[in-house]
């Protein structure tokens, strides 16, 4: 139940198997326009996932801005 989810809820608790997680990561990549290296994406809780995504989005979007601004 979505009302029971908290930042500390574990991915394991959600009952996701490895294939579910891979599909979920693809959806995240498409939604947020980021690339996730599986080996770098070790998360235990929902909060871990949010923190990792925040970090990836910041890193990858700032790299894109730096890359695009150097072409001017």
C-alpha atoms as a PDB file:
ATOM      1  CA  UNK A   1       0.000   0.000   0.000  1.00  0.00           C
ATOM      2  CA  UNK A   2       1.368   3.359  -0.996  1.00  0.00           C
ATOM      3  CA  UNK A   3       0.303   4.968   2.312  1.00  0.00           C
ATOM      4  CA  UNK A   4       2.683   2.626   4.137  1.00  0.00           C
ATOM      5  CA  UNK A   5       5.754   3.663   2.140  1.00  0.00           C
ATOM      6  CA  UNK A   6       8.354   5.810   3.850  1.00  0.00           C
ATOM      7  CA  UNK A   7      11.851   6.963   2.961  1.00  0.00           C
ATOM      8  CA  UNK A   8      13.144   4.022   5.021  1.00  0.00           C
ATOM      9  CA  UNK A   9      11.108   1.393   3.146  1.00  0.00           C
ATOM     10  CA  UNK A  10      13.508  -1.109   1.615  1.00  0.00           C
ATOM     11  CA  UNK A  11      13.458  -2.151  -2.019  1.00  0.00           C
ATOM     12  CA  UNK A  12      13.368  -5.747  -0.789  1.00  0.00           C
ATOM     13  CA  UNK A  13      10.183  -4.971   1.174  1.00  0.00           C
ATOM     14  CA  UNK A  14       8.561  -3.800  -2.052  1.00  0.00           C
ATOM     15  CA  UNK A  15       9.033  -7.316  -3.399  1.00  0.00           C
ATOM     16  CA  UNK A  16      10.884  -6.265  -6.543  1.00  0.00           C
ATOM     17  CA  UNK A  17      12.965  -8.959  -8.173  1.00  0.00           C
ATOM     18  CA  UNK A  18      16.051  -8.187 -10.241  1.00  0.00           C
ATOM     19  CA  UNK A  19      14.080  -7.967 -13.498  1.00  0.00           C
ATOM     20  CA  UNK A  20      11.568  -5.559 -11.911  1.00  0.00           C
ATOM     21  CA  UNK A  21      14.453  -3.389 -10.708  1.00  0.00           C
ATOM     22  CA  UNK A  22      16.051  -3.318 -14.175  1.00  0.00           C
ATOM     23  CA  UNK A  23      12.733  -2.290 -15.766  1.00  0.00           C
ATOM     24  CA  UNK A  24      12.275   0.339 -13.050  1.00  0.00           C
ATOM     25  CA  UNK A  25      15.776   1.734 -13.686  1.00  0.00           C
ATOM     26  CA  UNK A  26      15.036   2.015 -17.411  1.00  0.00           C
ATOM     27  CA  UNK A  27      11.890   3.971 -16.605  1.00  0.00           C
ATOM     28  CA  UNK A  28      13.841   6.281 -14.299  1.00  0.00           C
ATOM     29  CA  UNK A  29      16.477   6.839 -16.999  1.00  0.00           C
ATOM     30  CA  UNK A  30      13.801   7.800 -19.508  1.00  0.00           C
ATOM     31  CA  UNK A  31      11.827   9.970 -17.093  1.00  0.00           C
ATOM     32  CA  UNK A  32      14.799  11.956 -15.762  1.00  0.00           C
ATOM     33  CA  UNK A  33      17.028  11.777 -18.858  1.00  0.00           C
ATOM     34  CA  UNK A  34      19.929  10.233 -16.931  1.00  0.00           C
ATOM     35  CA  UNK A  35      22.136   7.179 -17.421  1.00  0.00           C
ATOM     36  CA  UNK A  36      22.402   4.780 -14.512  1.00  0.00           C
ATOM     37  CA  UNK A  37      25.370   2.441 -14.297  1.00  0.00           C
ATOM     38  CA  UNK A  38      24.044  -0.647 -12.515  1.00  0.00           C
ATOM     39  CA  UNK A  39      27.216  -1.084 -10.502  1.00  0.00           C
ATOM     40  CA  UNK A  40      26.888   2.482  -9.187  1.00  0.00           C
ATOM     41  CA  UNK A  41      23.254   2.139  -8.269  1.00  0.00           C
ATOM     42  CA  UNK A  42      23.326   0.116  -5.067  1.00  0.00           C
ATOM     43  CA  UNK A  43      20.343   1.176  -3.017  1.00  0.00           C
ATOM     44  CA  UNK A  44      18.690  -0.369   0.002  1.00  0.00           C
ATOM     45  CA  UNK A  45      15.877   2.049   0.817  1.00  0.00           C
ATOM     46  CA  UNK A  46      13.626   4.436  -1.088  1.00  0.00           C
ATOM     47  CA  UNK A  47      15.639   7.320   0.396  1.00  0.00           C
ATOM     48  CA  UNK A  48      18.859   5.778  -0.956  1.00  0.00           C
ATOM     49  CA  UNK A  49      17.243   5.722  -4.378  1.00  0.00           C
ATOM     50  CA  UNK A  50      16.142   9.360  -4.138  1.00  0.00           C
ATOM     51  CA  UNK A  51      19.619  10.442  -2.992  1.00  0.00           C
ATOM     52  CA  UNK A  52      21.322   8.469  -5.777  1.00  0.00           C
ATOM     53  CA  UNK A  53      18.965   9.955  -8.376  1.00  0.00           C
ATOM     54  CA  UNK A  54      19.506  13.492  -7.101  1.00  0.00           C
ATOM     55  CA  UNK A  55      23.260  12.961  -7.362  1.00  0.00           C
ATOM     56  CA  UNK A  56      23.034  11.461 -10.875  1.00  0.00           C
ATOM     57  CA  UNK A  57      20.743  14.203 -12.145  1.00  0.00           C
ATOM     58  CA  UNK A  58      23.008  16.934 -10.789  1.00  0.00           C
ATOM     59  CA  UNK A  59      26.178  15.310 -12.128  1.00  0.00           C
ATOM     60  CA  UNK A  60      24.860  14.457 -15.564  1.00  0.00           C
ATOM     61  CA  UNK A  61      22.928  17.636 -16.175  1.00  0.00           C
ATOM     62  CA  UNK A  62      25.846  19.833 -15.095  1.00  0.00           C
ATOM     63  CA  UNK A  63      28.127  17.832 -17.419  1.00  0.00           C
ATOM     64  CA  UNK A  64      25.689  18.488 -20.278  1.00  0.00           C
ATOM     65  CA  UNK A  65      25.641  22.213 -19.534  1.00  0.00           C
ATOM     66  CA  UNK A  66      29.430  22.351 -19.379  1.00  0.00           C
ATOM     67  CA  UNK A  67      29.652  20.379 -22.608  1.00  0.00           C
ATOM     68  CA  UNK A  68      27.127  22.515 -24.448  1.00  0.00           C
ATOM     69  CA  UNK A  69      28.534  25.836 -23.177  1.00  0.00           C
ATOM     70  CA  UNK A  70      32.052  24.976 -24.372  1.00  0.00           C
ATOM     71  CA  UNK A  71      30.781  24.734 -27.962  1.00  0.00           C
ATOM     72  CA  UNK A  72      29.749  28.404 -28.092  1.00  0.00           C
END
